[in-house]
C-alpha atoms as a PDB file:
ATOM      1  CA  MET A   1     146.441  59.085 123.607  1.00  0.00           C
ATOM      2  CA  LEU A   2     144.750  58.221 120.302  1.00  0.00           C
ATOM      3  CA  ASP A   3     141.331  58.985 121.765  1.00  0.00           C
ATOM      4  CA  TYR A   4     142.013  62.637 122.506  1.00  0.00           C
ATOM      5  CA  LEU A   5     144.102  63.060 119.371  1.00  0.00           C
ATOM      6  CA  GLY A   6     141.039  62.065 117.408  1.00  0.00           C
ATOM      7  CA  THR A   7     138.518  64.044 119.441  1.00  0.00           C
ATOM      8  CA  ALA A   8     140.427  67.263 120.122  1.00  0.00           C
ATOM      9  CA  VAL A   9     143.643  67.593 118.099  1.00  0.00           C
ATOM     10  CA  PHE A  10     143.023  66.363 114.575  1.00  0.00           C
ATOM     11  CA  PRO A  11     139.724  68.271 114.185  1.00  0.00           C
ATOM     12  CA  ILE A  12     141.638  71.480 114.944  1.00  0.00           C
ATOM     13  CA  PHE A  13     144.215  70.680 112.268  1.00  0.00           C
ATOM     14  CA  ALA A  14     141.360  69.881 109.878  1.00  0.00           C
ATOM     15  CA  ILE A  15     139.973  73.426 110.167  1.00  0.00           C
ATOM     16  CA  GLY A  16     143.268  74.956 109.087  1.00  0.00           C
ATOM     17  CA  ALA A  17     143.742  72.235 106.468  1.00  0.00           C
ATOM     18  CA  PHE A  18     140.415  73.083 104.858  1.00  0.00           C
ATOM     19  CA  GLY A  19     141.428  76.732 104.733  1.00  0.00           C
ATOM     20  CA  PHE A  20     144.732  75.750 103.131  1.00  0.00           C
ATOM     21  CA  LEU A  21     143.048  73.440 100.605  1.00  0.00           C
ATOM     22  CA  LEU A  22     140.404  75.966  99.573  1.00  0.00           C
ATOM     23  CA  GLY A  23     143.093  78.616  99.367  1.00  0.00           C
ATOM     24  CA  ARG A  24     145.117  76.390  97.041  1.00  0.00           C
ATOM     25  CA  MET A  25     141.983  75.864  94.951  1.00  0.00           C
ATOM     26  CA  ARG A  26     141.605  79.672  94.913  1.00  0.00           C
ATOM     27  CA  SER A  27     138.092  79.447  96.331  1.00  0.00           C
ATOM     28  CA  PHE A  28     139.276  81.967  98.956  1.00  0.00           C
ATOM     29  CA  ASP A  29     141.883  84.662  98.451  1.00  0.00           C
ATOM     30  CA  VAL A  30     143.957  86.877 100.732  1.00  0.00           C
ATOM     31  CA  ALA A  31     141.224  89.520 100.774  1.00  0.00           C
ATOM     32  CA  ALA A  32     138.805  86.900 102.120  1.00  0.00           C
ATOM     33  CA  ALA A  33     141.274  85.983 104.860  1.00  0.00           C
ATOM     34  CA  PHE A  34     141.477  89.658 105.855  1.00  0.00           C
ATOM     35  CA  SER A  35     137.676  89.906 105.937  1.00  0.00           C
ATOM     36  CA  ILE A  36     137.388  86.827 108.154  1.00  0.00           C
ATOM     37  CA  ASN A  37     139.972  88.295 110.530  1.00  0.00           C
ATOM     38  CA  LYS A  38     138.162  91.623 110.650  1.00  0.00           C
ATOM     39  CA  PHE A  39     134.919  89.838 111.532  1.00  0.00           C
ATOM     40  CA  VAL A  40     136.660  87.949 114.339  1.00  0.00           C
ATOM     41  CA  MET A  41     138.448  91.039 115.668  1.00  0.00           C
ATOM     42  CA  LEU A  42     135.386  93.306 115.683  1.00  0.00           C
ATOM     43  CA  VAL A  43     132.606  90.851 116.542  1.00  0.00           C
ATOM     44  CA  CYS A  44     133.635  87.363 117.676  1.00  0.00           C
ATOM     45  CA  MET A  45     136.571  88.203 119.938  1.00  0.00           C
ATOM     46  CA  PRO A  46     134.671  90.780 122.056  1.00  0.00           C
ATOM     47  CA  ALA A  47     131.833  88.276 122.479  1.00  0.00           C
ATOM     48  CA  LEU A  48     134.285  85.542 123.508  1.00  0.00           C
ATOM     49  CA  CYS A  49     135.944  87.848 126.052  1.00  0.00           C
ATOM     50  CA  ILE A  50     132.655  88.881 127.632  1.00  0.00           C
ATOM     51  CA  GLU A  51     131.294  85.338 127.858  1.00  0.00           C
ATOM     52  CA  PHE A  52     134.473  83.720 129.173  1.00  0.00           C
ATOM     53  CA  LEU A  53     135.180  86.373 131.818  1.00  0.00           C
ATOM     54  CA  ALA A  54     131.535  86.562 132.888  1.00  0.00           C
ATOM     55  CA  LEU A  55     131.598  82.837 133.695  1.00  0.00           C
ATOM     56  CA  ALA A  56     135.151  82.648 135.096  1.00  0.00           C
ATOM     57  CA  PRO A  57     135.226  81.669 138.818  1.00  0.00           C
ATOM     58  CA  ILE A  58     137.925  84.217 139.644  1.00  0.00           C
ATOM     59  CA  GLY A  59     137.498  83.752 143.391  1.00  0.00           C
ATOM     60  CA  SER A  60     138.564  80.099 143.105  1.00  0.00           C
ATOM     61  CA  PHE A  61     141.833  80.764 141.267  1.00  0.00           C
ATOM     62  CA  ASP A  62     145.237  79.925 142.775  1.00  0.00           C
ATOM     63  CA  PHE A  63     146.998  83.263 142.398  1.00  0.00           C
ATOM     64  CA  LEU A  64     150.418  81.910 143.419  1.00  0.00           C
ATOM     65  CA  LEU A  65     150.251  79.492 140.499  1.00  0.00           C
ATOM     66  CA  LEU A  66     149.081  82.270 138.190  1.00  0.00           C
ATOM     67  CA  PHE A  67     151.972  84.493 139.272  1.00  0.00           C
ATOM     68  CA  GLY A  68     154.471  81.751 138.466  1.00  0.00           C
ATOM     69  CA  TYR A  69     152.943  80.988 135.097  1.00  0.00           C
ATOM     70  CA  PHE A  70     152.670  84.691 134.276  1.00  0.00           C
ATOM     71  CA  LEU A  71     156.368  85.106 135.059  1.00  0.00           C
ATOM     72  CA  SER A  72     157.203  82.344 132.567  1.00  0.00           C
ATOM     73  CA  GLU A  73     155.073  84.123 129.943  1.00  0.00           C
ATOM     74  CA  VAL A  74     156.812  87.431 130.548  1.00  0.00           C
ATOM     75  CA  ILE A  75     160.230  85.796 130.109  1.00  0.00           C
ATOM     76  CA  LEU A  76     159.153  84.053 126.876  1.00  0.00           C
ATOM     77  CA  PHE A  77     157.562  87.267 125.606  1.00  0.00           C
ATOM     78  CA  SER A  78     160.784  89.167 126.297  1.00  0.00           C
ATOM     79  CA  PHE A  79     162.910  86.502 124.591  1.00  0.00           C
ATOM     80  CA  GLY A  80     160.694  86.656 121.516  1.00  0.00           C
ATOM     81  CA  VAL A  81     160.780  90.442 121.237  1.00  0.00           C
ATOM     82  CA  VAL A  82     164.501  90.846 121.911  1.00  0.00           C
ATOM     83  CA  ILE A  83     165.613  88.024 119.606  1.00  0.00           C
ATOM     84  CA  SER A  84     163.269  89.110 116.810  1.00  0.00           C
ATOM     85  CA  LYS A  85     164.257  92.750 117.005  1.00  0.00           C
ATOM     86  CA  TYR A  86     167.976  92.653 117.751  1.00  0.00           C
ATOM     87  CA  ILE A  87     169.113  89.371 116.159  1.00  0.00           C
ATOM     88  CA  PHE A  88     166.724  88.999 113.230  1.00  0.00           C
ATOM     89  CA  LYS A  89     166.235  92.776 112.800  1.00  0.00           C
ATOM     90  CA  LEU A  90     162.443  92.742 112.567  1.00  0.00           C
ATOM     91  CA  LEU A  91     160.316  95.856 112.994  1.00  0.00           C
ATOM     92  CA  ASN A  92     158.797  96.679 116.380  1.00  0.00           C
ATOM     93  CA  LEU A  93     155.233  95.571 115.637  1.00  0.00           C
ATOM     94  CA  GLU A  94     156.238  92.194 114.204  1.00  0.00           C
ATOM     95  CA  ALA A  95     158.717  91.573 117.033  1.00  0.00           C
ATOM     96  CA  LEU A  96     155.983  92.384 119.556  1.00  0.00           C
ATOM     97  CA  LEU A  97     153.577  89.923 117.954  1.00  0.00           C
ATOM     98  CA  ILE A  98     156.181  87.160 117.767  1.00  0.00           C
ATOM     99  CA  GLY A  99     156.711  87.700 121.487  1.00  0.00           C
ATOM    100  CA  LEU A 100     152.952  87.346 121.933  1.00  0.00           C
ATOM    101  CA  ALA A 101     152.989  84.130 119.874  1.00  0.00           C
ATOM    102  CA  LEU A 102     155.493  82.683 122.354  1.00  0.00           C
ATOM    103  CA  ALA A 103     153.651  83.845 125.473  1.00  0.00           C
ATOM    104  CA  LEU A 104     150.095  82.892 124.519  1.00  0.00           C
ATOM    105  CA  THR A 105     149.069  79.393 123.506  1.00  0.00           C
ATOM    106  CA  ASN A 106     146.070  77.870 121.779  1.00  0.00           C
ATOM    107  CA  HIS A 107     144.580  76.927 125.131  1.00  0.00           C
ATOM    108  CA  VAL A 108     140.877  77.572 124.488  1.00  0.00           C
ATOM    109  CA  LEU A 109     140.458  75.262 121.497  1.00  0.00           C
ATOM    110  CA  PHE A 110     143.474  72.975 121.951  1.00  0.00           C
ATOM    111  CA  VAL A 111     144.465  72.360 125.579  1.00  0.00           C
ATOM    112  CA  LEU A 112     141.104  72.743 127.313  1.00  0.00           C
ATOM    113  CA  PRO A 113     139.264  69.996 125.374  1.00  0.00           C
ATOM    114  CA  ILE A 114     142.272  67.645 125.621  1.00  0.00           C
ATOM    115  CA  ALA A 115     142.533  68.131 129.395  1.00  0.00           C
ATOM    116  CA  ASP A 116     138.790  67.665 129.758  1.00  0.00           C
ATOM    117  CA  GLU A 117     139.033  64.437 127.755  1.00  0.00           C
ATOM    118  CA  ILE A 118     141.916  63.069 129.861  1.00  0.00           C
ATOM    119  CA  PHE A 119     141.250  64.370 133.384  1.00  0.00           C
ATOM    120  CA  GLY A 120     137.642  65.557 133.395  1.00  0.00           C
ATOM    121  CA  GLU A 121     136.375  68.981 134.475  1.00  0.00           C
ATOM    122  CA  ALA A 122     137.939  68.653 137.949  1.00  0.00           C
ATOM    123  CA  LYS A 123     141.392  69.607 136.654  1.00  0.00           C
ATOM    124  CA  THR A 124     140.442  72.212 134.079  1.00  0.00           C
ATOM    125  CA  LEU A 125     140.152  75.065 136.610  1.00  0.00           C
ATOM    126  CA  THR A 126     143.910  75.711 136.305  1.00  0.00           C
ATOM    127  CA  ILE A 127     143.601  76.075 132.530  1.00  0.00           C
ATOM    128  CA  ILE A 128     140.555  78.335 132.867  1.00  0.00           C
ATOM    129  CA  SER A 129     142.461  80.532 135.330  1.00  0.00           C
ATOM    130  CA  ILE A 130     145.413  80.843 132.914  1.00  0.00           C
ATOM    131  CA  ILE A 131     143.097  81.689 130.004  1.00  0.00           C
ATOM    132  CA  THR A 132     141.428  84.359 132.151  1.00  0.00           C
ATOM    133  CA  MET A 133     144.772  85.848 133.202  1.00  0.00           C
ATOM    134  CA  ASP A 134     146.044  85.838 129.624  1.00  0.00           C
ATOM    135  CA  GLY A 135     143.000  87.750 128.444  1.00  0.00           C
ATOM    136  CA  LEU A 136     143.064  90.268 131.273  1.00  0.00           C
ATOM    137  CA  VAL A 137     146.813  90.943 131.272  1.00  0.00           C
ATOM    138  CA  ILE A 138     148.862  89.690 128.305  1.00  0.00           C
ATOM    139  CA  PHE A 139     146.261  90.211 125.584  1.00  0.00           C
ATOM    140  CA  SER A 140     145.024  93.538 126.982  1.00  0.00           C
ATOM    141  CA  LEU A 141     148.502  95.011 127.325  1.00  0.00           C
ATOM    142  CA  THR A 142     149.442  93.831 123.842  1.00  0.00           C
ATOM    143  CA  LEU A 143     146.341  95.498 122.380  1.00  0.00           C
ATOM    144  CA  ILE A 144     147.270  98.756 124.092  1.00  0.00           C
ATOM    145  CA  ALA A 145     150.893  98.477 122.896  1.00  0.00           C
ATOM    146  CA  MET A 146     149.750  97.786 119.321  1.00  0.00           C
ATOM    147  CA  ASP A 147     147.507 100.855 119.337  1.00  0.00           C
ATOM    148  CA  ILE A 148     150.323 103.015 120.717  1.00  0.00           C
ATOM    149  CA  LEU A 149     152.908 101.788 118.198  1.00  0.00           C
ATOM    150  CA  SER A 150     150.462 101.956 115.292  1.00  0.00           C
ATOM    151  CA  ASN A 151     149.576 105.563 116.079  1.00  0.00           C
ATOM    152  CA  ALA A 152     153.059 106.754 117.021  1.00  0.00           C
ATOM    153  CA  ASP A 153     153.060 109.468 114.343  1.00  0.00           C
ATOM    154  CA  ARG A 154     149.555 110.712 115.160  1.00  0.00           C
ATOM    155  CA  PRO A 155     148.218 113.014 117.902  1.00  0.00           C
ATOM    156  CA  PHE A 156     147.978 111.510 121.376  1.00  0.00           C
ATOM    157  CA  SER A 157     144.200 111.916 121.321  1.00  0.00           C
ATOM    158  CA  VAL A 158     144.011 109.511 118.353  1.00  0.00           C
ATOM    159  CA  THR A 159     145.956 106.890 120.301  1.00  0.00           C
ATOM    160  CA  VAL A 160     143.699 107.256 123.348  1.00  0.00           C
ATOM    161  CA  LYS A 161     140.601 106.950 121.175  1.00  0.00           C
ATOM    162  CA  ALA A 162     142.013 103.842 119.477  1.00  0.00           C
ATOM    163  CA  ILE A 163     142.658 102.205 122.861  1.00  0.00           C
ATOM    164  CA  PHE A 164     139.267 102.955 124.383  1.00  0.00           C
ATOM    165  CA  THR A 165     137.343 101.959 121.261  1.00  0.00           C
ATOM    166  CA  ASN A 166     139.279  98.720 120.691  1.00  0.00           C
ATOM    167  CA  PRO A 167     136.497  96.056 120.504  1.00  0.00           C
ATOM    168  CA  PRO A 168     138.322  93.127 122.191  1.00  0.00           C
ATOM    169  CA  LEU A 169     139.553  95.449 124.947  1.00  0.00           C
ATOM    170  CA  LEU A 170     136.008  96.698 125.501  1.00  0.00           C
ATOM    171  CA  GLY A 171     134.870  93.068 125.662  1.00  0.00           C
ATOM    172  CA  ILE A 172     137.485  92.326 128.322  1.00  0.00           C
ATOM    173  CA  LEU A 173     136.416  95.326 130.422  1.00  0.00           C
ATOM    174  CA  ILE A 174     132.717  94.426 130.161  1.00  0.00           C
ATOM    175  CA  GLY A 175     133.360  90.781 131.011  1.00  0.00           C
ATOM    176  CA  LEU A 176     135.512  91.726 133.997  1.00  0.00           C
ATOM    177  CA  PHE A 177     132.837  94.134 135.251  1.00  0.00           C
ATOM    178  CA  VAL A 178     130.180  91.422 135.006  1.00  0.00           C
ATOM    179  CA  SER A 179     132.392  88.886 136.797  1.00  0.00           C
ATOM    180  CA  LEU A 180     133.558  91.121 139.643  1.00  0.00           C
ATOM    181  CA  ASN A 181     130.015  92.322 140.348  1.00  0.00           C
ATOM    182  CA  ASN A 182     128.538  88.800 140.170  1.00  0.00           C
ATOM    183  CA  LEU A 183     126.038  89.932 137.560  1.00  0.00           C
ATOM    184  CA  GLU A 184     123.929  87.349 135.773  1.00  0.00           C
ATOM    185  CA  LEU A 185     123.350  88.166 132.126  1.00  0.00           C
ATOM    186  CA  PRO A 186     120.050  87.103 130.527  1.00  0.00           C
ATOM    187  CA  HIS A 187     120.026  83.610 129.013  1.00  0.00           C
ATOM    188  CA  GLY A 188     119.478  84.991 125.528  1.00  0.00           C
ATOM    189  CA  VAL A 189     122.499  87.270 125.823  1.00  0.00           C
ATOM    190  CA  MET A 190     124.714  84.433 127.051  1.00  0.00           C
ATOM    191  CA  PHE A 191     123.471  82.198 124.233  1.00  0.00           C
ATOM    192  CA  PHE A 192     124.386  84.893 121.701  1.00  0.00           C
ATOM    193  CA  LEU A 193     127.822  85.421 123.238  1.00  0.00           C
ATOM    194  CA  GLU A 194     128.505  81.674 123.374  1.00  0.00           C
ATOM    195  CA  LYS A 195     127.639  81.068 119.732  1.00  0.00           C
ATOM    196  CA  MET A 196     129.332  84.193 118.414  1.00  0.00           C
ATOM    197  CA  GLY A 197     132.451  83.815 120.557  1.00  0.00           C
ATOM    198  CA  GLY A 198     132.700  80.126 119.730  1.00  0.00           C
ATOM    199  CA  THR A 199     133.381  80.954 116.089  1.00  0.00           C
ATOM    200  CA  ALA A 200     136.464  83.058 116.845  1.00  0.00           C
ATOM    201  CA  THR A 201     139.221  80.443 116.939  1.00  0.00           C
ATOM    202  CA  PRO A 202     137.848  78.180 114.156  1.00  0.00           C
ATOM    203  CA  ALA A 203     137.456  81.207 111.885  1.00  0.00           C
ATOM    204  CA  LEU A 204     141.021  82.320 112.622  1.00  0.00           C
ATOM    205  CA  LEU A 205     142.387  78.831 111.965  1.00  0.00           C
ATOM    206  CA  PHE A 206     140.532  78.724 108.641  1.00  0.00           C
ATOM    207  CA  SER A 207     141.885  82.164 107.730  1.00  0.00           C
ATOM    208  CA  LEU A 208     145.388  81.075 108.756  1.00  0.00           C
ATOM    209  CA  GLY A 209     145.117  78.098 106.392  1.00  0.00           C
ATOM    210  CA  ILE A 210     144.176  80.440 103.547  1.00  0.00           C
ATOM    211  CA  MET A 211     147.150  82.720 104.216  1.00  0.00           C
ATOM    212  CA  LEU A 212     149.567  79.781 104.408  1.00  0.00           C
ATOM    213  CA  SER A 213     148.319  78.566 101.020  1.00  0.00           C
ATOM    214  CA  TYR A 214     149.347  81.881  99.470  1.00  0.00           C
ATOM    215  CA  GLN A 215     152.769  82.137 101.140  1.00  0.00           C
ATOM    216  CA  LYS A 216     155.599  81.369  98.747  1.00  0.00           C
ATOM    217  CA  ASN A 217     157.827  79.878 101.423  1.00  0.00           C
ATOM    218  CA  ILE A 218     156.808  78.285 104.733  1.00  0.00           C
ATOM    219  CA  ALA A 219     160.039  76.337 105.179  1.00  0.00           C
ATOM    220  CA  PRO A 220     161.457  76.334 108.738  1.00  0.00           C
ATOM    221  CA  THR A 221     163.954  79.220 108.659  1.00  0.00           C
ATOM    222  CA  LYS A 222     166.287  80.060 111.557  1.00  0.00           C
ATOM    223  CA  ILE A 223     163.831  82.411 113.229  1.00  0.00           C
ATOM    224  CA  ILE A 224     160.943  79.962 112.885  1.00  0.00           C
ATOM    225  CA  VAL A 225     162.988  77.083 114.311  1.00  0.00           C
ATOM    226  CA  SER A 226     164.349  79.169 117.189  1.00  0.00           C
ATOM    227  CA  MET A 227     160.932  80.565 118.146  1.00  0.00           C
ATOM    228  CA  SER A 228     159.252  77.165 117.876  1.00  0.00           C
ATOM    229  CA  THR A 229     161.949  75.681 120.120  1.00  0.00           C
ATOM    230  CA  LEU A 230     161.471  78.410 122.695  1.00  0.00           C
ATOM    231  CA  LYS A 231     157.718  77.861 122.693  1.00  0.00           C
ATOM    232  CA  LEU A 232     157.580  74.073 122.809  1.00  0.00           C
ATOM    233  CA  ILE A 233     160.661  73.182 124.872  1.00  0.00           C
ATOM    234  CA  VAL A 234     161.905  76.199 126.833  1.00  0.00           C
ATOM    235  CA  HIS A 235     158.480  77.418 127.963  1.00  0.00           C
ATOM    236  CA  PRO A 236     157.255  74.210 129.682  1.00  0.00           C
ATOM    237  CA  ILE A 237     160.645  73.669 131.337  1.00  0.00           C
ATOM    238  CA  LEU A 238     160.744  77.274 132.539  1.00  0.00           C
ATOM    239  CA  ALA A 239     157.154  77.136 133.812  1.00  0.00           C
ATOM    240  CA  TRP A 240     157.914  73.903 135.676  1.00  0.00           C
ATOM    241  CA  LEU A 241     161.009  75.400 137.326  1.00  0.00           C
ATOM    242  CA  ILE A 242     159.319  78.626 138.400  1.00  0.00           C
ATOM    243  CA  ILE A 243     156.175  76.961 139.743  1.00  0.00           C
ATOM    244  CA  THR A 244     158.234  74.307 141.538  1.00  0.00           C
ATOM    245  CA  LEU A 245     160.284  76.988 143.297  1.00  0.00           C
ATOM    246  CA  LEU A 246     157.185  78.977 144.275  1.00  0.00           C
ATOM    247  CA  PHE A 247     155.545  75.905 145.808  1.00  0.00           C
ATOM    248  CA  GLY A 248     158.472  75.017 148.038  1.00  0.00           C
ATOM    249  CA  GLY A 249     160.485  72.763 145.765  1.00  0.00           C
ATOM    250  CA  HIS A 250     157.727  70.486 144.476  1.00  0.00           C
ATOM    251  CA  TYR A 251     155.332  70.788 141.572  1.00  0.00           C
ATOM    252  CA  PRO A 252     151.694  70.607 142.807  1.00  0.00           C
ATOM    253  CA  GLU A 253     149.809  67.718 141.217  1.00  0.00           C
ATOM    254  CA  SER A 254     146.618  69.749 141.280  1.00  0.00           C
ATOM    255  CA  HIS A 255     148.183  72.106 138.723  1.00  0.00           C
ATOM    256  CA  SER A 256     149.624  69.496 136.375  1.00  0.00           C
ATOM    257  CA  THR A 257     147.562  70.843 133.501  1.00  0.00           C
ATOM    258  CA  ALA A 258     149.515  74.126 133.612  1.00  0.00           C
ATOM    259  CA  LEU A 259     152.416  72.347 131.903  1.00  0.00           C
ATOM    260  CA  MET A 260     150.059  71.262 129.136  1.00  0.00           C
ATOM    261  CA  VAL A 261     149.282  74.918 128.498  1.00  0.00           C
ATOM    262  CA  ALA A 262     152.975  75.836 128.419  1.00  0.00           C
ATOM    263  CA  ALA A 263     153.690  72.949 126.013  1.00  0.00           C
ATOM    264  CA  ALA A 264     150.834  73.874 123.668  1.00  0.00           C
ATOM    265  CA  PRO A 265     151.243  75.546 120.266  1.00  0.00           C
ATOM    266  CA  SER A 266     151.301  79.280 119.701  1.00  0.00           C
ATOM    267  CA  GLY A 267     147.796  80.690 119.668  1.00  0.00           C
ATOM    268  CA  VAL A 268     146.201  82.353 116.662  1.00  0.00           C
ATOM    269  CA  THR A 269     145.795  85.639 118.543  1.00  0.00           C
ATOM    270  CA  ALA A 270     149.140  86.931 117.257  1.00  0.00           C
ATOM    271  CA  TYR A 271     148.076  86.089 113.708  1.00  0.00           C
ATOM    272  CA  MET A 272     144.737  87.887 114.168  1.00  0.00           C
ATOM    273  CA  LEU A 273     146.426  91.043 115.428  1.00  0.00           C
ATOM    274  CA  ALA A 274     149.055  90.930 112.666  1.00  0.00           C
ATOM    275  CA  MET A 275     146.343  90.788 110.012  1.00  0.00           C
ATOM    276  CA  ASN A 276     144.302  93.585 111.587  1.00  0.00           C
ATOM    277  CA  TYR A 277     147.254  95.885 112.195  1.00  0.00           C
ATOM    278  CA  LYS A 278     148.719  95.226 108.709  1.00  0.00           C
ATOM    279  CA  VAL A 279     151.823  93.424 110.004  1.00  0.00           C
ATOM    280  CA  SER A 280     153.542  90.710 107.965  1.00  0.00           C
ATOM    281  CA  VAL A 281     152.448  87.167 108.807  1.00  0.00           C
ATOM    282  CA  ASP A 282     155.249  85.509 106.799  1.00  0.00           C
ATOM    283  CA  ARG A 283     156.974  84.397 110.012  1.00  0.00           C
ATOM    284  CA  ILE A 284     154.092  84.359 112.487  1.00  0.00           C
ATOM    285  CA  SER A 285     151.979  81.928 110.431  1.00  0.00           C
ATOM    286  CA  PRO A 286     154.696  79.245 110.089  1.00  0.00           C
ATOM    287  CA  ILE A 287     155.528  79.554 113.801  1.00  0.00           C
ATOM    288  CA  ILE A 288     151.897  78.702 114.603  1.00  0.00           C
ATOM    289  CA  LEU A 289     151.963  75.880 112.038  1.00  0.00           C
ATOM    290  CA  TYR A 290     155.169  74.224 113.261  1.00  0.00           C
ATOM    291  CA  THR A 291     154.383  74.603 116.959  1.00  0.00           C
ATOM    292  CA  SER A 292     150.990  73.020 116.267  1.00  0.00           C
ATOM    293  CA  ILE A 293     152.712  70.016 114.717  1.00  0.00           C
ATOM    294  CA  GLY A 294     155.381  69.774 117.421  1.00  0.00           C
ATOM    295  CA  SER A 295     152.851  70.136 120.230  1.00  0.00           C
ATOM    296  CA  LEU A 296     151.444  66.708 119.398  1.00  0.00           C
ATOM    297  CA  ILE A 297     154.537  65.413 121.183  1.00  0.00           C
ATOM    298  CA  THR A 298     155.079  68.094 123.842  1.00  0.00           C
ATOM    299  CA  VAL A 299     151.467  68.226 125.066  1.00  0.00           C
ATOM    300  CA  SER A 300     151.355  64.426 125.190  1.00  0.00           C
ATOM    301  CA  ILE A 301     154.503  64.391 127.362  1.00  0.00           C
ATOM    302  CA  ALA A 302     153.203  67.188 129.601  1.00  0.00           C
ATOM    303  CA  ALA A 303     149.934  65.325 130.125  1.00  0.00           C
ATOM    304  CA  THR A 304     151.816  62.388 131.663  1.00  0.00           C
ATOM    305  CA  ILE A 305     153.854  64.432 134.161  1.00  0.00           C
END
């Protein structure tokens, strides 16, 4: 337990903590956080999408497992949107991104290294398959929805242009094309994509720390507590139930790491999109913060199941 906390969990918290500290010291301001996010959105995220999908062994994925996990994500996403919009009266874009924060987890930088530390590479294929599915389906559809909602009062041609020129979406399409056609990109290109894409999540965590340092109130309000509970407790239980039913009443040991993904904290993707689409992060940022803290317990429990 302490080994992987020290090698995979605490370093992740340290990135955000440094952003928070330097924000408090006013070495970085809100404008800097926006600039970091723009860099990630336009440069790092497309590179990450291309590299990850180009290397993903899609033919080896268990699609029954992916269907079950995807169903749990859809339910959590729906809960987040409906509760945010109709109970807490948030605007459409923010409700959509809170739903995304519940569906997607910090699996690339958080769960994957922990699982590799505990189980070795043999059991990380399930996590890789979930990350791939999340990028191809959940993230892509959310990008399209954000472009549609953001351009609702503009001509349809503007919306279409926004969708087809969206950098992360282009990265997903290119990566999928490379993977499905078994293309082998030059070593230099892969090296560039690896290094550039590898900065995406750390940069977002640092930016998140800056934004939290400038927020007047990050106390756990009703919406933050309810969304964090849905993410950390309801999601892993729901994923376990659905996958158990799909596999004939028993949970397959070979997919035990899927519960670690469900029990992980909200990913920083929702925060990135909120910043880039000018949506308030006053609730999204604390949700990521508190689920990150709570996941120290939930991921540890999931890893023992």
